[in-house]
Amino acid sequence: MPVDGRKGVEMDVGLTRKGHHKFEEIEGGPLPTSWDDVRGFKSDRFDGEAAFQKGIRDTGWFKEFVSEYGEEPDLDTKDYDYRKAWAAGIRPERDPYDNNRYHWRSSLESGEMLKSKDHPTAWKEHYMREFGVNPDTNGVTEAQWNQYAARLHHSTVQKTPSLYDRAADFAKDVLRKLGVTSGL
């Protein structure tokens, strides 16, 4: 409800689920109109918590999650920053390697990770950065990636072959273990 520029007028802006907050108009400045204004969250592409909540609940991913697990996803988890992804315009996409279920991207275009280092599939983003391909296309496991990463770290310290040579050798090892021998 507008206050028409009067000073000292209280306004109930209903900013929480548990109750309402009252704010006094400050001379020369507008009253906050949303929870985002109050907590100082600013983004050109993110138009507030209410819009985020409505938008994400309307996605196929959200509906699929509720159907599969019988509960809503934890949008406040420390494993993934859904709000940052949403603000960046990222939306879940079908993953052909996981029975065509919806998945969220692991990182922003800038390379900033949306998944925490503890997220169960964060390693896949590091693999894709290293090799330019989804590990699911070759059936690479997290254990194989960890083995490679350990060798990479050790060989980097030893200043042995180039990154390209190490990557090519690792890819060949993986393909041999999968039984692919043509083209090696």
C-alpha atoms as a PDB file:
ATOM      1  CA  MET A   1       0.000   0.000   0.000  1.00  0.00           C
ATOM      2  CA  PRO A   2       1.528   3.368  -1.004  1.00  0.00           C
ATOM      3  CA  VAL A   3       2.193   6.004   1.582  1.00  0.00           C
ATOM      4  CA  ASP A   4       2.077   9.093  -0.651  1.00  0.00           C
ATOM      5  CA  GLY A   5       5.307  10.594   0.666  1.00  0.00           C
ATOM      6  CA  ARG A   6       4.150  11.088   4.267  1.00  0.00           C
ATOM      7  CA  LYS A   7       6.851  10.790   6.939  1.00  0.00           C
ATOM      8  CA  GLY A   8       6.588   8.455   9.896  1.00  0.00           C
ATOM      9  CA  VAL A   9       3.831   6.305   8.418  1.00  0.00           C
ATOM     10  CA  GLU A  10       4.010   2.625   9.232  1.00  0.00           C
ATOM     11  CA  MET A  11       3.402   0.154   6.466  1.00  0.00           C
ATOM     12  CA  ASP A  12       2.681  -3.557   6.798  1.00  0.00           C
ATOM     13  CA  VAL A  13       4.497  -5.140   3.887  1.00  0.00           C
ATOM     14  CA  GLY A  14       4.043  -8.798   4.912  1.00  0.00           C
ATOM     15  CA  LEU A  15       7.548  -9.975   4.214  1.00  0.00           C
ATOM     16  CA  THR A  16       7.761 -13.303   6.009  1.00  0.00           C
ATOM     17  CA  ARG A  17       5.791 -16.501   6.066  1.00  0.00           C
ATOM     18  CA  LYS A  18       5.616 -16.480   9.864  1.00  0.00           C
ATOM     19  CA  GLY A  19       4.464 -12.924  10.299  1.00  0.00           C
ATOM     20  CA  HIS A  20       4.596  -9.393   9.064  1.00  0.00           C
ATOM     21  CA  HIS A  21       7.208  -6.711   9.519  1.00  0.00           C
ATOM     22  CA  LYS A  22       6.418  -3.053   9.873  1.00  0.00           C
ATOM     23  CA  PHE A  23       8.708  -0.480   8.356  1.00  0.00           C
ATOM     24  CA  GLU A  24       8.721   3.228   8.914  1.00  0.00           C
ATOM     25  CA  GLU A  25       9.087   5.420   5.925  1.00  0.00           C
ATOM     26  CA  ILE A  26      12.478   7.059   5.742  1.00  0.00           C
ATOM     27  CA  GLU A  27      12.620  10.663   4.583  1.00  0.00           C
ATOM     28  CA  GLY A  28      13.833  10.869   1.009  1.00  0.00           C
ATOM     29  CA  GLY A  29      13.675   7.117   0.355  1.00  0.00           C
ATOM     30  CA  PRO A  30      11.082   4.556  -0.605  1.00  0.00           C
ATOM     31  CA  LEU A  31       9.753   1.911   1.702  1.00  0.00           C
ATOM     32  CA  PRO A  32      10.914  -1.617   0.974  1.00  0.00           C
ATOM     33  CA  THR A  33       8.394  -3.459  -1.172  1.00  0.00           C
ATOM     34  CA  SER A  34       9.777  -6.988  -1.016  1.00  0.00           C
ATOM     35  CA  TRP A  35      11.872  -9.236   1.171  1.00  0.00           C
ATOM     36  CA  ASP A  36      14.700  -8.958  -1.372  1.00  0.00           C
ATOM     37  CA  ASP A  37      14.791  -5.178  -0.908  1.00  0.00           C
ATOM     38  CA  VAL A  38      15.110  -5.680   2.828  1.00  0.00           C
ATOM     39  CA  ARG A  39      17.872  -8.261   2.761  1.00  0.00           C
ATOM     40  CA  GLY A  40      19.782  -6.385   0.075  1.00  0.00           C
ATOM     41  CA  PHE A  41      19.820  -9.044  -2.638  1.00  0.00           C
ATOM     42  CA  LYS A  42      20.383  -7.359  -5.982  1.00  0.00           C
ATOM     43  CA  SER A  43      20.530  -8.917  -9.431  1.00  0.00           C
ATOM     44  CA  ASP A  44      19.451  -7.616 -12.815  1.00  0.00           C
ATOM     45  CA  ARG A  45      17.982 -10.965 -13.812  1.00  0.00           C
ATOM     46  CA  PHE A  46      16.437 -12.073 -10.504  1.00  0.00           C
ATOM     47  CA  ASP A  47      13.126 -10.502  -9.696  1.00  0.00           C
ATOM     48  CA  GLY A  48      12.659 -11.709  -6.164  1.00  0.00           C
ATOM     49  CA  GLU A  49      12.076 -14.674  -3.948  1.00  0.00           C
ATOM     50  CA  ALA A  50       8.365 -14.937  -4.728  1.00  0.00           C
ATOM     51  CA  ALA A  51       9.042 -15.088  -8.465  1.00  0.00           C
ATOM     52  CA  PHE A  52      11.815 -17.655  -7.895  1.00  0.00           C
ATOM     53  CA  GLN A  53       9.550 -19.836  -5.751  1.00  0.00           C
ATOM     54  CA  LYS A  54       6.701 -19.693  -8.254  1.00  0.00           C
ATOM     55  CA  GLY A  55       8.954 -20.211 -11.244  1.00  0.00           C
ATOM     56  CA  ILE A  56      10.920 -23.140  -9.877  1.00  0.00           C
ATOM     57  CA  ARG A  57       7.751 -24.852  -8.650  1.00  0.00           C
ATOM     58  CA  ASP A  58       6.356 -24.629 -12.188  1.00  0.00           C
ATOM     59  CA  THR A  59       9.325 -26.482 -13.717  1.00  0.00           C
ATOM     60  CA  GLY A  60       9.150 -30.071 -14.850  1.00  0.00           C
ATOM     61  CA  TRP A  61      12.162 -30.754 -12.623  1.00  0.00           C
ATOM     62  CA  PHE A  62      10.311 -29.722  -9.468  1.00  0.00           C
ATOM     63  CA  LYS A  63       7.264 -31.806 -10.370  1.00  0.00           C
ATOM     64  CA  GLU A  64       9.442 -34.763 -11.323  1.00  0.00           C
ATOM     65  CA  PHE A  65      11.321 -34.539  -8.011  1.00  0.00           C
ATOM     66  CA  VAL A  66       8.122 -34.468  -5.943  1.00  0.00           C
ATOM     67  CA  SER A  67       6.706 -37.386  -7.928  1.00  0.00           C
ATOM     68  CA  GLU A  68       9.893 -39.456  -7.551  1.00  0.00           C
ATOM     69  CA  TYR A  69      10.773 -38.718  -3.918  1.00  0.00           C
ATOM     70  CA  GLY A  70       7.396 -37.818  -2.398  1.00  0.00           C
ATOM     71  CA  GLU A  71       8.656 -34.492  -1.077  1.00  0.00           C
ATOM     72  CA  GLU A  72       9.800 -31.113  -2.358  1.00  0.00           C
ATOM     73  CA  PRO A  73      13.493 -30.558  -3.080  1.00  0.00           C
ATOM     74  CA  ASP A  74      15.461 -28.568  -0.513  1.00  0.00           C
ATOM     75  CA  LEU A  75      15.962 -25.269  -2.325  1.00  0.00           C
ATOM     76  CA  ASP A  76      18.153 -24.043   0.544  1.00  0.00           C
ATOM     77  CA  THR A  77      20.615 -26.943   0.409  1.00  0.00           C
ATOM     78  CA  LYS A  78      24.296 -26.123   0.669  1.00  0.00           C
ATOM     79  CA  ASP A  79      24.995 -28.581  -2.177  1.00  0.00           C
ATOM     80  CA  TYR A  80      23.563 -26.420  -4.980  1.00  0.00           C
ATOM     81  CA  ASP A  81      22.765 -22.719  -5.392  1.00  0.00           C
ATOM     82  CA  TYR A  82      19.351 -22.836  -7.077  1.00  0.00           C
ATOM     83  CA  ARG A  83      18.786 -19.106  -6.652  1.00  0.00           C
ATOM     84  CA  LYS A  84      22.038 -18.168  -8.357  1.00  0.00           C
ATOM     85  CA  ALA A  85      21.302 -20.616 -11.174  1.00  0.00           C
ATOM     86  CA  TRP A  86      17.777 -19.226 -11.556  1.00  0.00           C
ATOM     87  CA  ALA A  87      19.037 -15.634 -11.522  1.00  0.00           C
ATOM     88  CA  ALA A  88      21.513 -16.520 -14.284  1.00  0.00           C
ATOM     89  CA  GLY A  89      18.693 -17.896 -16.427  1.00  0.00           C
ATOM     90  CA  ILE A  90      19.753 -21.522 -15.973  1.00  0.00           C
ATOM     91  CA  ARG A  91      16.930 -24.049 -16.056  1.00  0.00           C
ATOM     92  CA  PRO A  92      17.028 -27.821 -15.599  1.00  0.00           C
ATOM     93  CA  GLU A  93      17.422 -29.899 -18.741  1.00  0.00           C
ATOM     94  CA  ARG A  94      16.804 -33.546 -19.563  1.00  0.00           C
ATOM     95  CA  ASP A  95      19.876 -35.782 -19.180  1.00  0.00           C
ATOM     96  CA  PRO A  96      19.941 -38.654 -21.688  1.00  0.00           C
ATOM     97  CA  TYR A  97      22.482 -40.488 -19.511  1.00  0.00           C
ATOM     98  CA  ASP A  98      20.152 -40.557 -16.488  1.00  0.00           C
ATOM     99  CA  ASN A  99      16.940 -41.992 -17.932  1.00  0.00           C
ATOM    100  CA  ASN A 100      16.116 -38.572 -19.403  1.00  0.00           C
ATOM    101  CA  ARG A 101      15.502 -37.091 -15.941  1.00  0.00           C
ATOM    102  CA  TYR A 102      15.959 -33.377 -15.319  1.00  0.00           C
ATOM    103  CA  HIS A 103      19.326 -32.066 -14.120  1.00  0.00           C
ATOM    104  CA  TRP A 104      20.783 -28.637 -13.352  1.00  0.00           C
ATOM    105  CA  ARG A 105      24.059 -27.384 -14.808  1.00  0.00           C
ATOM    106  CA  SER A 106      27.027 -27.567 -12.486  1.00  0.00           C
ATOM    107  CA  SER A 107      28.424 -24.104 -13.145  1.00  0.00           C
ATOM    108  CA  LEU A 108      27.779 -20.648 -14.538  1.00  0.00           C
ATOM    109  CA  GLU A 109      29.138 -19.547 -17.934  1.00  0.00           C
ATOM    110  CA  SER A 110      31.915 -17.789 -15.999  1.00  0.00           C
ATOM    111  CA  GLY A 111      33.015 -21.149 -14.588  1.00  0.00           C
ATOM    112  CA  GLU A 112      31.804 -20.388 -11.070  1.00  0.00           C
ATOM    113  CA  MET A 113      30.499 -23.610  -9.556  1.00  0.00           C
ATOM    114  CA  LEU A 114      26.836 -23.832  -8.570  1.00  0.00           C
ATOM    115  CA  LYS A 115      27.432 -27.203  -6.938  1.00  0.00           C
ATOM    116  CA  SER A 116      29.391 -27.383  -3.714  1.00  0.00           C
ATOM    117  CA  LYS A 117      32.571 -29.439  -3.665  1.00  0.00           C
ATOM    118  CA  ASP A 118      30.615 -31.960  -1.568  1.00  0.00           C
ATOM    119  CA  HIS A 119      27.838 -32.410  -4.148  1.00  0.00           C
ATOM    120  CA  PRO A 120      27.822 -36.073  -5.274  1.00  0.00           C
ATOM    121  CA  THR A 121      28.324 -35.209  -8.960  1.00  0.00           C
ATOM    122  CA  ALA A 122      30.547 -32.114  -8.726  1.00  0.00           C
ATOM    123  CA  TRP A 123      33.452 -34.249  -9.968  1.00  0.00           C
ATOM    124  CA  LYS A 124      31.728 -34.558 -13.364  1.00  0.00           C
ATOM    125  CA  GLU A 125      32.097 -30.821 -13.984  1.00  0.00           C
ATOM    126  CA  HIS A 126      35.849 -31.072 -13.323  1.00  0.00           C
ATOM    127  CA  TYR A 127      36.077 -34.042 -15.684  1.00  0.00           C
ATOM    128  CA  MET A 128      34.221 -32.105 -18.402  1.00  0.00           C
ATOM    129  CA  ARG A 129      36.547 -29.135 -17.963  1.00  0.00           C
ATOM    130  CA  GLU A 130      39.547 -31.421 -18.301  1.00  0.00           C
ATOM    131  CA  PHE A 131      38.352 -33.479 -21.291  1.00  0.00           C
ATOM    132  CA  GLY A 132      35.517 -31.485 -22.855  1.00  0.00           C
ATOM    133  CA  VAL A 133      33.103 -34.401 -22.695  1.00  0.00           C
ATOM    134  CA  ASN A 134      30.524 -35.660 -20.212  1.00  0.00           C
ATOM    135  CA  PRO A 135      32.011 -38.642 -18.313  1.00  0.00           C
ATOM    136  CA  ASP A 136      28.694 -40.451 -18.738  1.00  0.00           C
ATOM    137  CA  THR A 137      29.334 -40.697 -22.497  1.00  0.00           C
ATOM    138  CA  ASN A 138      32.279 -43.013 -21.771  1.00  0.00           C
ATOM    139  CA  GLY A 139      30.971 -44.598 -18.577  1.00  0.00           C
ATOM    140  CA  VAL A 140      33.743 -43.046 -16.496  1.00  0.00           C
ATOM    141  CA  THR A 141      33.186 -43.449 -12.760  1.00  0.00           C
ATOM    142  CA  GLU A 142      34.046 -41.128  -9.910  1.00  0.00           C
ATOM    143  CA  ALA A 143      36.669 -43.645  -8.729  1.00  0.00           C
ATOM    144  CA  GLN A 144      38.369 -43.514 -12.138  1.00  0.00           C
ATOM    145  CA  TRP A 145      38.284 -39.713 -12.085  1.00  0.00           C
ATOM    146  CA  ASN A 146      39.763 -39.632  -8.582  1.00  0.00           C
ATOM    147  CA  GLN A 147      42.524 -42.004  -9.677  1.00  0.00           C
ATOM    148  CA  TYR A 148      43.292 -39.779 -12.656  1.00  0.00           C
ATOM    149  CA  ALA A 149      43.159 -36.604 -10.556  1.00  0.00           C
ATOM    150  CA  ALA A 150      45.604 -38.140  -8.082  1.00  0.00           C
ATOM    151  CA  ARG A 151      47.965 -39.105 -10.926  1.00  0.00           C
ATOM    152  CA  LEU A 152      47.575 -35.656 -12.464  1.00  0.00           C
ATOM    153  CA  HIS A 153      48.464 -33.979  -9.197  1.00  0.00           C
ATOM    154  CA  HIS A 154      51.452 -36.260  -8.704  1.00  0.00           C
ATOM    155  CA  SER A 155      52.702 -35.850 -12.265  1.00  0.00           C
ATOM    156  CA  THR A 156      52.221 -32.086 -12.125  1.00  0.00           C
ATOM    157  CA  VAL A 157      54.425 -31.987  -9.061  1.00  0.00           C
ATOM    158  CA  GLN A 158      56.962 -34.199 -10.881  1.00  0.00           C
ATOM    159  CA  LYS A 159      56.762 -31.969 -14.003  1.00  0.00           C
ATOM    160  CA  THR A 160      56.222 -34.945 -16.307  1.00  0.00           C
ATOM    161  CA  PRO A 161      54.278 -35.107 -19.610  1.00  0.00           C
ATOM    162  CA  SER A 162      52.013 -32.311 -20.814  1.00  0.00           C
ATOM    163  CA  LEU A 163      48.419 -32.081 -19.715  1.00  0.00           C
ATOM    164  CA  TYR A 164      47.318 -33.067 -23.213  1.00  0.00           C
ATOM    165  CA  ASP A 165      49.468 -36.238 -23.128  1.00  0.00           C
ATOM    166  CA  ARG A 166      48.193 -37.177 -19.659  1.00  0.00           C
ATOM    167  CA  ALA A 167      44.592 -36.600 -20.733  1.00  0.00           C
ATOM    168  CA  ALA A 168      45.044 -38.673 -23.882  1.00  0.00           C
ATOM    169  CA  ASP A 169      46.648 -41.532 -21.917  1.00  0.00           C
ATOM    170  CA  PHE A 170      43.876 -41.469 -19.340  1.00  0.00           C
ATOM    171  CA  ALA A 171      41.163 -41.468 -22.016  1.00  0.00           C
ATOM    172  CA  LYS A 172      42.849 -44.439 -23.724  1.00  0.00           C
ATOM    173  CA  ASP A 173      43.033 -46.319 -20.401  1.00  0.00           C
ATOM    174  CA  VAL A 174      39.347 -45.730 -19.797  1.00  0.00           C
ATOM    175  CA  LEU A 175      38.398 -46.834 -23.296  1.00  0.00           C
ATOM    176  CA  ARG A 176      40.534 -50.006 -22.988  1.00  0.00           C
ATOM    177  CA  LYS A 177      38.842 -50.852 -19.680  1.00  0.00           C
ATOM    178  CA  LEU A 178      35.496 -50.428 -21.400  1.00  0.00           C
ATOM    179  CA  GLY A 179      36.582 -52.789 -24.163  1.00  0.00           C
ATOM    180  CA  VAL A 180      36.921 -50.175 -26.891  1.00  0.00           C
ATOM    181  CA  THR A 181      40.076 -50.872 -28.875  1.00  0.00           C
ATOM    182  CA  SER A 182      39.393 -49.476 -32.343  1.00  0.00           C
ATOM    183  CA  GLY A 183      40.943 -46.100 -33.032  1.00  0.00           C
ATOM    184  CA  LEU A 184      43.480 -46.297 -30.222  1.00  0.00           C
END
